[in-house]
């Protein structure tokens, strides 16, 4: 595998993990979740949880997969809600 392909695959895996975390946490708590919650759920330390997931959440927003809510929390995009169950 070429180096660029390996980087792309790594990034897509991280995005998939963050997307799955948002889906699971929103379903569990019945509310939008913050980047720190997502990072903690993925196993990041509290001090780095938000910075580890924030840029990925921004990319998912740009792709139309999650929505950023007022207050900085996130939920699945409307077109994906109901699919996670």
PDB file of N, CA and C in Angstrom:
ATOM      1  N   UNK A   1       0.847  -1.171   0.000  1.00  0.00           N
ATOM      2  CA  UNK A   1       0.000   0.000   0.000  1.00  0.00           C
ATOM      3  C   UNK A   1       0.898   1.241   0.000  1.00  0.00           C
ATOM      4  N   UNK A   2       0.566   2.193  -0.803  1.00  0.00           N
ATOM      5  CA  UNK A   2       1.332   3.431  -0.861  1.00  0.00           C
ATOM      6  C   UNK A   2       1.118   4.228   0.418  1.00  0.00           C
ATOM      7  N   UNK A   3       2.100   5.078   0.750  1.00  0.00           N
ATOM      8  CA  UNK A   3       2.029   5.846   1.994  1.00  0.00           C
ATOM      9  C   UNK A   3       0.769   6.705   2.067  1.00  0.00           C
ATOM     10  N   UNK A   4       0.405   7.387   0.986  1.00  0.00           N
ATOM     11  CA  UNK A   4      -0.797   8.227   0.979  1.00  0.00           C
ATOM     12  C   UNK A   4      -2.053   7.406   1.221  1.00  0.00           C
ATOM     13  N   UNK A   5      -2.109   6.220   0.653  1.00  0.00           N
ATOM     14  CA  UNK A   5      -3.269   5.357   0.868  1.00  0.00           C
ATOM     15  C   UNK A   5      -3.360   4.917   2.326  1.00  0.00           C
ATOM     16  N   UNK A   6      -2.211   4.646   2.939  1.00  0.00           N
ATOM     17  CA  UNK A   6      -2.203   4.241   4.345  1.00  0.00           C
ATOM     18  C   UNK A   6      -2.691   5.378   5.237  1.00  0.00           C
ATOM     19  N   UNK A   7      -2.276   6.597   4.935  1.00  0.00           N
ATOM     20  CA  UNK A   7      -2.722   7.757   5.714  1.00  0.00           C
ATOM     21  C   UNK A   7      -4.220   7.953   5.533  1.00  0.00           C
ATOM     22  N   UNK A   8      -4.691   7.855   4.310  1.00  0.00           N
ATOM     23  CA  UNK A   8      -6.124   7.999   4.034  1.00  0.00           C
ATOM     24  C   UNK A   8      -6.925   6.944   4.776  1.00  0.00           C
ATOM     25  N   UNK A   9      -6.464   5.706   4.739  1.00  0.00           N
ATOM     26  CA  UNK A   9      -7.169   4.624   5.436  1.00  0.00           C
ATOM     27  C   UNK A   9      -7.205   4.887   6.940  1.00  0.00           C
ATOM     28  N   UNK A  10      -6.092   5.340   7.513  1.00  0.00           N
ATOM     29  CA  UNK A  10      -6.024   5.658   8.939  1.00  0.00           C
ATOM     30  C   UNK A  10      -7.029   6.747   9.295  1.00  0.00           C
ATOM     31  N   UNK A  11      -7.076   7.816   8.486  1.00  0.00           N
ATOM     32  CA  UNK A  11      -8.001   8.912   8.756  1.00  0.00           C
ATOM     33  C   UNK A  11      -9.448   8.463   8.653  1.00  0.00           C
ATOM     34  N   UNK A  12      -9.750   7.640   7.657  1.00  0.00           N
ATOM     35  CA  UNK A  12     -11.118   7.144   7.509  1.00  0.00           C
ATOM     36  C   UNK A  12     -11.515   6.251   8.680  1.00  0.00           C
ATOM     37  N   UNK A  13     -10.580   5.456   9.190  1.00  0.00           N
ATOM     38  CA  UNK A  13     -10.870   4.623  10.358  1.00  0.00           C
ATOM     39  C   UNK A  13     -11.163   5.497  11.576  1.00  0.00           C
ATOM     40  N   UNK A  14     -10.385   6.547  11.767  1.00  0.00           N
ATOM     41  CA  UNK A  14     -10.616   7.454  12.901  1.00  0.00           C
ATOM     42  C   UNK A  14     -11.963   8.155  12.762  1.00  0.00           C
ATOM     43  N   UNK A  15     -12.286   8.601  11.551  1.00  0.00           N
ATOM     44  CA  UNK A  15     -13.584   9.254  11.334  1.00  0.00           C
ATOM     45  C   UNK A  15     -14.719   8.280  11.611  1.00  0.00           C
ATOM     46  N   UNK A  16     -14.567   7.045  11.168  1.00  0.00           N
ATOM     47  CA  UNK A  16     -15.587   6.034  11.418  1.00  0.00           C
ATOM     48  C   UNK A  16     -15.779   5.765  12.899  1.00  0.00           C
ATOM     49  N   UNK A  17     -14.677   5.735  13.631  1.00  0.00           N
ATOM     50  CA  UNK A  17     -14.759   5.502  15.080  1.00  0.00           C
ATOM     51  C   UNK A  17     -15.460   6.660  15.772  1.00  0.00           C
ATOM     52  N   UNK A  18     -15.141   7.881  15.366  1.00  0.00           N
ATOM     53  CA  UNK A  18     -15.790   9.054  15.966  1.00  0.00           C
ATOM     54  C   UNK A  18     -17.275   9.083  15.607  1.00  0.00           C
ATOM     55  N   UNK A  19     -17.600   8.784  14.367  1.00  0.00           N
ATOM     56  CA  UNK A  19     -19.001   8.751  13.945  1.00  0.00           C
ATOM     57  C   UNK A  19     -19.778   7.699  14.744  1.00  0.00           C
ATOM     58  N   UNK A  20     -19.190   6.520  14.919  1.00  0.00           N
ATOM     59  CA  UNK A  20     -19.842   5.467  15.705  1.00  0.00           C
ATOM     60  C   UNK A  20     -20.013   5.893  17.158  1.00  0.00           C
ATOM     61  N   UNK A  21     -19.020   6.589  17.699  1.00  0.00           N
ATOM     62  CA  UNK A  21     -19.116   7.067  19.086  1.00  0.00           C
ATOM     63  C   UNK A  21     -20.243   8.073  19.236  1.00  0.00           C
ATOM     64  N   UNK A  22     -20.362   9.005  18.295  1.00  0.00           N
ATOM     65  CA  UNK A  22     -21.451   9.985  18.346  1.00  0.00           C
ATOM     66  C   UNK A  22     -22.797   9.266  18.307  1.00  0.00           C
ATOM     67  N   UNK A  23     -22.932   8.304  17.413  1.00  0.00           N
ATOM     68  CA  UNK A  23     -24.193   7.566  17.296  1.00  0.00           C
ATOM     69  C   UNK A  23     -24.522   6.844  18.593  1.00  0.00           C
ATOM     70  N   UNK A  24     -23.549   6.149  19.164  1.00  0.00           N
ATOM     71  CA  UNK A  24     -23.780   5.371  20.382  1.00  0.00           C
ATOM     72  C   UNK A  24     -24.080   6.271  21.573  1.00  0.00           C
ATOM     73  N   UNK A  25     -23.282   7.314  21.750  1.00  0.00           N
ATOM     74  CA  UNK A  25     -23.483   8.200  22.899  1.00  0.00           C
ATOM     75  C   UNK A  25     -24.805   8.960  22.815  1.00  0.00           C
ATOM     76  N   UNK A  26     -25.157   9.423  21.630  1.00  0.00           N
ATOM     77  CA  UNK A  26     -26.440  10.125  21.478  1.00  0.00           C
ATOM     78  C   UNK A  26     -27.607   9.179  21.761  1.00  0.00           C
ATOM     79  N   UNK A  27     -27.480   7.939  21.330  1.00  0.00           N
ATOM     80  CA  UNK A  27     -28.537   6.962  21.586  1.00  0.00           C
ATOM     81  C   UNK A  27     -28.640   6.657  23.088  1.00  0.00           C
ATOM     82  N   UNK A  28     -27.496   6.527  23.749  1.00  0.00           N
ATOM     83  CA  UNK A  28     -27.486   6.221  25.183  1.00  0.00           C
ATOM     84  C   UNK A  28     -28.061   7.357  26.014  1.00  0.00           C
ATOM     85  N   UNK A  29     -27.702   8.591  25.671  1.00  0.00           N
ATOM     86  CA  UNK A  29     -28.057   9.745  26.494  1.00  0.00           C
ATOM     87  C   UNK A  29     -29.257  10.532  25.967  1.00  0.00           C
ATOM     88  N   UNK A  30     -29.707  10.207  24.773  1.00  0.00           N
ATOM     89  CA  UNK A  30     -30.844  10.881  24.142  1.00  0.00           C
ATOM     90  C   UNK A  30     -30.643  12.398  24.079  1.00  0.00           C
ATOM     91  N   UNK A  31     -29.420  12.805  23.708  1.00  0.00           N
ATOM     92  CA  UNK A  31     -29.089  14.220  23.560  1.00  0.00           C
ATOM     93  C   UNK A  31     -27.808  14.333  22.752  1.00  0.00           C
ATOM     94  N   UNK A  32     -27.540  15.506  22.192  1.00  0.00           N
ATOM     95  CA  UNK A  32     -26.247  15.723  21.526  1.00  0.00           C
ATOM     96  C   UNK A  32     -25.102  15.617  22.540  1.00  0.00           C
ATOM     97  N   UNK A  33     -23.919  15.259  22.056  1.00  0.00           N
ATOM     98  CA  UNK A  33     -22.768  15.057  22.934  1.00  0.00           C
ATOM     99  C   UNK A  33     -21.608  15.956  22.527  1.00  0.00           C
ATOM    100  N   UNK A  34     -20.748  16.247  23.491  1.00  0.00           N
ATOM    101  CA  UNK A  34     -19.604  17.109  23.246  1.00  0.00           C
ATOM    102  C   UNK A  34     -18.376  16.332  22.810  1.00  0.00           C
ATOM    103  N   UNK A  35     -17.397  17.047  22.264  1.00  0.00           N
ATOM    104  CA  UNK A  35     -16.178  16.390  21.802  1.00  0.00           C
ATOM    105  C   UNK A  35     -15.412  15.704  22.934  1.00  0.00           C
ATOM    106  N   UNK A  36     -15.468  16.237  24.136  1.00  0.00           N
ATOM    107  CA  UNK A  36     -14.780  15.589  25.257  1.00  0.00           C
ATOM    108  C   UNK A  36     -15.412  14.243  25.560  1.00  0.00           C
ATOM    109  N   UNK A  37     -16.749  14.183  25.561  1.00  0.00           N
ATOM    110  CA  UNK A  37     -17.437  12.908  25.792  1.00  0.00           C
ATOM    111  C   UNK A  37     -17.047  11.873  24.748  1.00  0.00           C
ATOM    112  N   UNK A  38     -16.993  12.314  23.497  1.00  0.00           N
ATOM    113  CA  UNK A  38     -16.634  11.405  22.405  1.00  0.00           C
ATOM    114  C   UNK A  38     -15.208  10.904  22.611  1.00  0.00           C
ATOM    115  N   UNK A  39     -14.292  11.821  22.907  1.00  0.00           N
ATOM    116  CA  UNK A  39     -12.904  11.431  23.116  1.00  0.00           C
ATOM    117  C   UNK A  39     -12.723  10.475  24.282  1.00  0.00           C
ATOM    118  N   UNK A  40     -13.417  10.732  25.372  1.00  0.00           N
ATOM    119  CA  UNK A  40     -13.340   9.834  26.521  1.00  0.00           C
ATOM    120  C   UNK A  40     -13.875   8.454  26.168  1.00  0.00           C
ATOM    121  N   UNK A  41     -14.966   8.414  25.436  1.00  0.00           N
ATOM    122  CA  UNK A  41     -15.570   7.141  25.031  1.00  0.00           C
ATOM    123  C   UNK A  41     -14.605   6.334  24.164  1.00  0.00           C
ATOM    124  N   UNK A  42     -13.792   7.053  23.380  1.00  0.00           N
ATOM    125  CA  UNK A  42     -12.815   6.392  22.513  1.00  0.00           C
ATOM    126  C   UNK A  42     -11.515   6.049  23.238  1.00  0.00           C
ATOM    127  N   UNK A  43     -11.413   6.399  24.518  1.00  0.00           N
ATOM    128  CA  UNK A  43     -10.260   6.005  25.298  1.00  0.00           C
ATOM    129  C   UNK A  43      -9.184   7.057  25.467  1.00  0.00           C
ATOM    130  N   UNK A  44      -9.440   8.284  25.033  1.00  0.00           N
ATOM    131  CA  UNK A  44      -8.470   9.362  25.220  1.00  0.00           C
ATOM    132  C   UNK A  44      -8.521   9.859  26.659  1.00  0.00           C
ATOM    133  N   UNK A  45      -7.406  10.360  27.139  1.00  0.00           N
ATOM    134  CA  UNK A  45      -7.328  10.970  28.465  1.00  0.00           C
ATOM    135  C   UNK A  45      -8.146  12.257  28.459  1.00  0.00           C
ATOM    136  N   UNK A  46      -8.695  12.622  29.605  1.00  0.00           N
ATOM    137  CA  UNK A  46      -9.545  13.814  29.699  1.00  0.00           C
ATOM    138  C   UNK A  46      -8.860  15.057  29.133  1.00  0.00           C
ATOM    139  N   UNK A  47      -7.561  15.226  29.414  1.00  0.00           N
ATOM    140  CA  UNK A  47      -6.842  16.429  28.975  1.00  0.00           C
ATOM    141  C   UNK A  47      -6.680  16.538  27.467  1.00  0.00           C
ATOM    142  N   UNK A  48      -6.819  15.423  26.750  1.00  0.00           N
ATOM    143  CA  UNK A  48      -6.640  15.464  25.298  1.00  0.00           C
ATOM    144  C   UNK A  48      -7.877  15.011  24.528  1.00  0.00           C
ATOM    145  N   UNK A  49      -8.936  14.652  25.233  1.00  0.00           N
ATOM    146  CA  UNK A  49     -10.116  14.079  24.575  1.00  0.00           C
ATOM    147  C   UNK A  49     -10.734  15.027  23.556  1.00  0.00           C
ATOM    148  N   UNK A  50     -10.910  16.275  23.919  1.00  0.00           N
ATOM    149  CA  UNK A  50     -11.542  17.240  23.009  1.00  0.00           C
ATOM    150  C   UNK A  50     -10.654  17.549  21.814  1.00  0.00           C
ATOM    151  N   UNK A  51      -9.376  17.765  22.060  1.00  0.00           N
ATOM    152  CA  UNK A  51      -8.476  18.109  20.946  1.00  0.00           C
ATOM    153  C   UNK A  51      -8.253  16.924  20.016  1.00  0.00           C
ATOM    154  N   UNK A  52      -8.424  15.705  20.512  1.00  0.00           N
ATOM    155  CA  UNK A  52      -8.265  14.522  19.670  1.00  0.00           C
ATOM    156  C   UNK A  52      -9.457  14.297  18.751  1.00  0.00           C
ATOM    157  N   UNK A  53     -10.625  14.751  19.174  1.00  0.00           N
ATOM    158  CA  UNK A  53     -11.832  14.482  18.388  1.00  0.00           C
ATOM    159  C   UNK A  53     -12.395  15.716  17.677  1.00  0.00           C
ATOM    160  N   UNK A  54     -12.093  16.914  18.166  1.00  0.00           N
ATOM    161  CA  UNK A  54     -12.651  18.132  17.569  1.00  0.00           C
ATOM    162  C   UNK A  54     -12.423  18.274  16.076  1.00  0.00           C
ATOM    163  N   UNK A  55     -11.174  18.119  15.599  1.00  0.00           N
ATOM    164  CA  UNK A  55     -10.941  18.250  14.159  1.00  0.00           C
ATOM    165  C   UNK A  55     -11.674  17.185  13.323  1.00  0.00           C
ATOM    166  N   UNK A  56     -11.793  16.000  13.884  1.00  0.00           N
ATOM    167  CA  UNK A  56     -12.506  14.934  13.173  1.00  0.00           C
ATOM    168  C   UNK A  56     -13.989  15.259  13.120  1.00  0.00           C
ATOM    169  N   UNK A  57     -14.543  15.746  14.208  1.00  0.00           N
ATOM    170  CA  UNK A  57     -15.950  16.147  14.213  1.00  0.00           C
ATOM    171  C   UNK A  57     -16.195  17.258  13.197  1.00  0.00           C
ATOM    172  N   UNK A  58     -15.267  18.199  13.095  1.00  0.00           N
ATOM    173  CA  UNK A  58     -15.407  19.262  12.091  1.00  0.00           C
ATOM    174  C   UNK A  58     -15.447  18.691  10.679  1.00  0.00           C
ATOM    175  N   UNK A  59     -14.598  17.707  10.394  1.00  0.00           N
ATOM    176  CA  UNK A  59     -14.616  17.072   9.061  1.00  0.00           C
ATOM    177  C   UNK A  59     -15.937  16.348   8.823  1.00  0.00           C
ATOM    178  N   UNK A  60     -16.456  15.692   9.858  1.00  0.00           N
ATOM    179  CA  UNK A  60     -17.735  14.989   9.714  1.00  0.00           C
ATOM    180  C   UNK A  60     -18.881  15.968   9.481  1.00  0.00           C
ATOM    181  N   UNK A  61     -18.803  17.152  10.092  1.00  0.00           N
ATOM    182  CA  UNK A  61     -19.798  18.203   9.840  1.00  0.00           C
ATOM    183  C   UNK A  61     -19.701  18.641   8.380  1.00  0.00           C
ATOM    184  N   UNK A  62     -18.496  18.870   7.887  1.00  0.00           N
ATOM    185  CA  UNK A  62     -18.304  19.288   6.496  1.00  0.00           C
ATOM    186  C   UNK A  62     -18.833  18.249   5.521  1.00  0.00           C
ATOM    187  N   UNK A  63     -18.750  16.989   5.882  1.00  0.00           N
ATOM    188  CA  UNK A  63     -19.237  15.906   5.013  1.00  0.00           C
ATOM    189  C   UNK A  63     -20.737  15.658   5.171  1.00  0.00           C
ATOM    190  N   UNK A  64     -21.372  16.371   6.088  1.00  0.00           N
ATOM    191  CA  UNK A  64     -22.810  16.217   6.279  1.00  0.00           C
ATOM    192  C   UNK A  64     -23.213  14.992   7.070  1.00  0.00           C
ATOM    193  N   UNK A  65     -22.276  14.439   7.848  1.00  0.00           N
ATOM    194  CA  UNK A  65     -22.578  13.239   8.615  1.00  0.00           C
ATOM    195  C   UNK A  65     -22.996  13.525  10.052  1.00  0.00           C
ATOM    196  N   UNK A  66     -22.530  14.634  10.606  1.00  0.00           N
ATOM    197  CA  UNK A  66     -22.965  15.071  11.932  1.00  0.00           C
ATOM    198  C   UNK A  66     -23.332  16.542  11.862  1.00  0.00           C
ATOM    199  N   UNK A  67     -24.104  16.977  12.835  1.00  0.00           N
ATOM    200  CA  UNK A  67     -24.516  18.381  12.934  1.00  0.00           C
ATOM    201  C   UNK A  67     -23.940  18.959  14.208  1.00  0.00           C
ATOM    202  N   UNK A  68     -23.421  20.175  14.131  1.00  0.00           N
ATOM    203  CA  UNK A  68     -22.945  20.883  15.325  1.00  0.00           C
ATOM    204  C   UNK A  68     -24.113  21.697  15.861  1.00  0.00           C
ATOM    205  N   UNK A  69     -24.401  21.486  17.122  1.00  0.00           N
ATOM    206  CA  UNK A  69     -25.527  22.142  17.765  1.00  0.00           C
ATOM    207  C   UNK A  69     -25.043  23.394  18.503  1.00  0.00           C
ATOM    208  N   UNK A  70     -25.959  24.307  18.832  1.00  0.00           N
ATOM    209  CA  UNK A  70     -25.571  25.444  19.674  1.00  0.00           C
ATOM    210  C   UNK A  70     -24.947  24.918  20.973  1.00  0.00           C
ATOM    211  N   UNK A  71     -23.904  25.559  21.411  1.00  0.00           N
ATOM    212  CA  UNK A  71     -23.217  25.106  22.612  1.00  0.00           C
ATOM    213  C   UNK A  71     -22.062  24.174  22.319  1.00  0.00           C
ATOM    214  N   UNK A  72     -21.867  23.819  21.052  1.00  0.00           N
ATOM    215  CA  UNK A  72     -20.717  23.013  20.673  1.00  0.00           C
ATOM    216  C   UNK A  72     -20.885  21.515  20.785  1.00  0.00           C
ATOM    217  N   UNK A  73     -22.105  21.039  20.960  1.00  0.00           N
ATOM    218  CA  UNK A  73     -22.349  19.599  20.981  1.00  0.00           C
ATOM    219  C   UNK A  73     -22.690  19.107  19.589  1.00  0.00           C
ATOM    220  N   UNK A  74     -22.649  17.788  19.420  1.00  0.00           N
ATOM    221  CA  UNK A  74     -22.841  17.179  18.103  1.00  0.00           C
ATOM    222  C   UNK A  74     -23.865  16.065  18.171  1.00  0.00           C
ATOM    223  N   UNK A  75     -24.528  15.849  17.046  1.00  0.00           N
ATOM    224  CA  UNK A  75     -25.433  14.706  16.885  1.00  0.00           C
ATOM    225  C   UNK A  75     -25.327  14.242  15.441  1.00  0.00           C
ATOM    226  N   UNK A  76     -25.844  13.045  15.187  1.00  0.00           N
ATOM    227  CA  UNK A  76     -25.857  12.554  13.811  1.00  0.00           C
ATOM    228  C   UNK A  76     -26.695  13.479  12.945  1.00  0.00           C
ATOM    229  N   UNK A  77     -26.321  13.597  11.700  1.00  0.00           N
ATOM    230  CA  UNK A  77     -27.120  14.367  10.761  1.00  0.00           C
ATOM    231  C   UNK A  77     -28.497  13.736  10.637  1.00  0.00           C
ATOM    232  N   UNK A  78     -29.474  14.545  10.328  1.00  0.00           N
ATOM    233  CA  UNK A  78     -30.851  14.070  10.272  1.00  0.00           C
ATOM    234  C   UNK A  78     -30.991  12.861   9.352  1.00  0.00           C
ATOM    235  N   UNK A  79     -30.280  12.862   8.247  1.00  0.00           N
ATOM    236  CA  UNK A  79     -30.409  11.739   7.291  1.00  0.00           C
ATOM    237  C   UNK A  79     -29.873  10.432   7.847  1.00  0.00           C
ATOM    238  N   UNK A  80     -29.050  10.473   8.917  1.00  0.00           N
ATOM    239  CA  UNK A  80     -28.503   9.269   9.517  1.00  0.00           C
ATOM    240  C   UNK A  80     -29.230   8.849  10.780  1.00  0.00           C
ATOM    241  N   UNK A  81     -29.987   9.744  11.385  1.00  0.00           N
ATOM    242  CA  UNK A  81     -30.687   9.393  12.618  1.00  0.00           C
ATOM    243  C   UNK A  81     -31.694   8.291  12.354  1.00  0.00           C
ATOM    244  N   UNK A  82     -31.719   7.327  13.226  1.00  0.00           N
ATOM    245  CA  UNK A  82     -32.595   6.169  13.052  1.00  0.00           C
ATOM    246  C   UNK A  82     -31.894   5.015  12.364  1.00  0.00           C
ATOM    247  N   UNK A  83     -30.785   5.305  11.671  1.00  0.00           N
ATOM    248  CA  UNK A  83     -30.029   4.258  10.986  1.00  0.00           C
ATOM    249  C   UNK A  83     -29.163   3.479  11.963  1.00  0.00           C
ATOM    250  N   UNK A  84     -28.723   4.148  13.054  1.00  0.00           N
ATOM    251  CA  UNK A  84     -27.798   3.519  13.979  1.00  0.00           C
ATOM    252  C   UNK A  84     -28.418   2.413  14.794  1.00  0.00           C
ATOM    253  N   UNK A  85     -29.743   2.341  14.864  1.00  0.00           N
ATOM    254  CA  UNK A  85     -30.383   1.342  15.697  1.00  0.00           C
ATOM    255  C   UNK A  85     -30.676   0.066  15.028  1.00  0.00           C
TER     256      UNK A  85
END
